[in-house]
Amino acid sequence: PHLDDLKVYIGDSEASLIVSRGETRTILLALKLIETKIVEKFSGKKPILLLDDVFGELDGQRRKLLTKAIDGYQSFITTTDADVVIKHFDKSAKIIISES
């Protein structure tokens, strides 16, 4: 995927030509979550998620859906706006903020 070897189609159109940046991010996150399930199925262990600034281009609804999808996984998330990200997580989530 880092070399654009993977093309995603919506209907007959290449997704990269017809979707917004937020939709592109959503497609990539969906693929990442599928990969997570595959790793978990074959290894029997939940992988640790490393998500770099994933909330930056997502709207509120997609942020909430992402936080639900990663519930139960240990996740490291980078962001420039921690307050926006934190409000989408359940109150029981353990969140550690590190400022550099």
Protein backbone atom coordinates (compact mmCIF):
# COMPACT_ATOMS: atom_id res chain seq x y z
CA PRO A 1 0.00 0.00 0.00
CA HIS A 2 2.86 2.42 0.63
CA LEU A 3 3.84 2.17 -3.03
CA ASP A 4 0.30 2.56 -4.40
CA ASP A 5 0.30 -1.10 -5.45
CA LEU A 6 -3.24 -1.47 -4.14
CA LYS A 7 -6.16 0.11 -5.96
CA VAL A 8 -9.62 0.27 -4.43
CA TYR A 9 -12.66 0.57 -6.65
CA ILE A 10 -16.11 1.85 -5.85
CA GLY A 11 -18.29 0.42 -8.57
CA ASP A 12 -16.30 0.87 -11.78
CA SER A 13 -14.34 3.90 -10.59
CA GLU A 14 -10.98 4.00 -8.88
CA ALA A 15 -11.64 5.34 -5.37
CA SER A 16 -8.65 7.70 -5.40
CA LEU A 17 -10.24 9.62 -8.27
CA ILE A 18 -13.71 10.12 -6.77
CA VAL A 19 -13.47 10.30 -2.96
CA SER A 20 -12.52 13.05 -0.52
CA ARG A 21 -9.44 12.95 1.72
CA GLY A 22 -11.60 11.94 4.68
CA GLU A 23 -13.17 9.15 2.65
CA THR A 24 -9.72 8.02 1.54
CA ARG A 25 -8.63 7.91 5.18
CA THR A 26 -11.77 5.93 6.04
CA ILE A 27 -11.03 3.35 3.32
CA LEU A 28 -7.45 2.96 4.55
CA LEU A 29 -8.60 2.59 8.16
CA ALA A 30 -11.15 -0.03 7.11
CA LEU A 31 -8.38 -2.01 5.43
CA LYS A 32 -6.22 -1.65 8.54
CA LEU A 33 -9.06 -2.91 10.75
CA ILE A 34 -9.60 -5.89 8.44
CA GLU A 35 -5.88 -6.61 8.68
CA THR A 36 -6.18 -6.44 12.48
CA LYS A 37 -8.94 -9.08 12.47
CA ILE A 38 -6.91 -11.35 10.18
CA VAL A 39 -3.83 -11.11 12.40
CA GLU A 40 -5.96 -11.81 15.46
CA LYS A 41 -7.65 -14.80 13.83
CA PHE A 42 -4.42 -16.48 12.77
CA SER A 43 -2.22 -15.59 15.74
CA GLY A 44 -4.84 -15.81 18.46
CA LYS A 45 -3.55 -12.51 19.83
CA LYS A 46 -4.81 -8.96 19.47
CA PRO A 47 -2.28 -6.75 17.71
CA ILE A 48 -1.26 -3.38 19.10
CA LEU A 49 -2.49 -0.55 16.88
CA LEU A 50 -0.23 2.34 15.93
CA LEU A 51 -2.36 5.13 14.47
CA ASP A 52 -0.64 8.32 13.34
CA ASP A 53 -2.92 11.36 13.28
CA VAL A 54 -5.92 9.32 12.13
CA PHE A 55 -8.48 11.76 13.50
CA GLY A 56 -7.21 14.77 11.57
CA GLU A 57 -9.27 14.24 8.43
CA LEU A 58 -12.27 12.43 9.91
CA ASP A 59 -15.58 14.02 10.82
CA GLY A 60 -17.17 13.49 14.23
CA GLN A 61 -19.25 10.49 13.17
CA ARG A 62 -16.26 8.69 11.65
CA ARG A 63 -14.16 9.47 14.73
CA LYS A 64 -16.80 7.90 16.95
CA LEU A 65 -17.07 4.83 14.70
CA LEU A 66 -13.29 4.41 14.71
CA THR A 67 -13.11 4.56 18.50
CA LYS A 68 -15.80 1.87 18.69
CA ALA A 69 -13.93 -0.29 16.17
CA ILE A 70 -10.67 -0.17 18.13
CA ASP A 71 -12.29 -0.74 21.51
CA GLY A 72 -10.54 -3.65 23.19
CA TYR A 73 -7.24 -3.09 21.38
CA GLN A 74 -4.22 -1.46 22.89
CA SER A 75 -3.69 1.58 20.70
CA PHE A 76 -1.10 4.30 20.38
CA ILE A 77 -2.60 7.34 18.68
CA THR A 78 -0.75 10.51 17.76
CA THR A 79 -2.68 13.74 17.37
CA THR A 80 -2.20 17.46 17.45
CA ASP A 81 -5.55 17.95 19.18
CA ALA A 82 -5.91 15.53 22.12
CA ASP A 83 -9.08 17.18 23.46
CA VAL A 84 -10.97 16.42 20.25
CA VAL A 85 -9.80 12.81 20.23
CA ILE A 86 -10.45 12.09 23.91
CA LYS A 87 -14.12 13.04 23.78
CA HIS A 88 -14.80 10.19 21.34
CA PHE A 89 -13.57 7.50 23.71
CA ASP A 90 -15.63 5.75 26.35
CA LYS A 91 -15.07 7.05 29.88
CA SER A 92 -13.62 3.66 30.87
CA ALA A 93 -10.76 3.97 28.33
CA LYS A 94 -7.33 4.45 29.84
CA ILE A 95 -5.82 7.48 28.15
CA ILE A 96 -2.31 8.77 28.72
CA ILE A 97 -1.37 12.14 27.25
CA SER A 98 2.27 12.89 26.55
CA GLU A 99 3.22 16.39 25.50
CA SER A 100 6.54 17.01 23.82
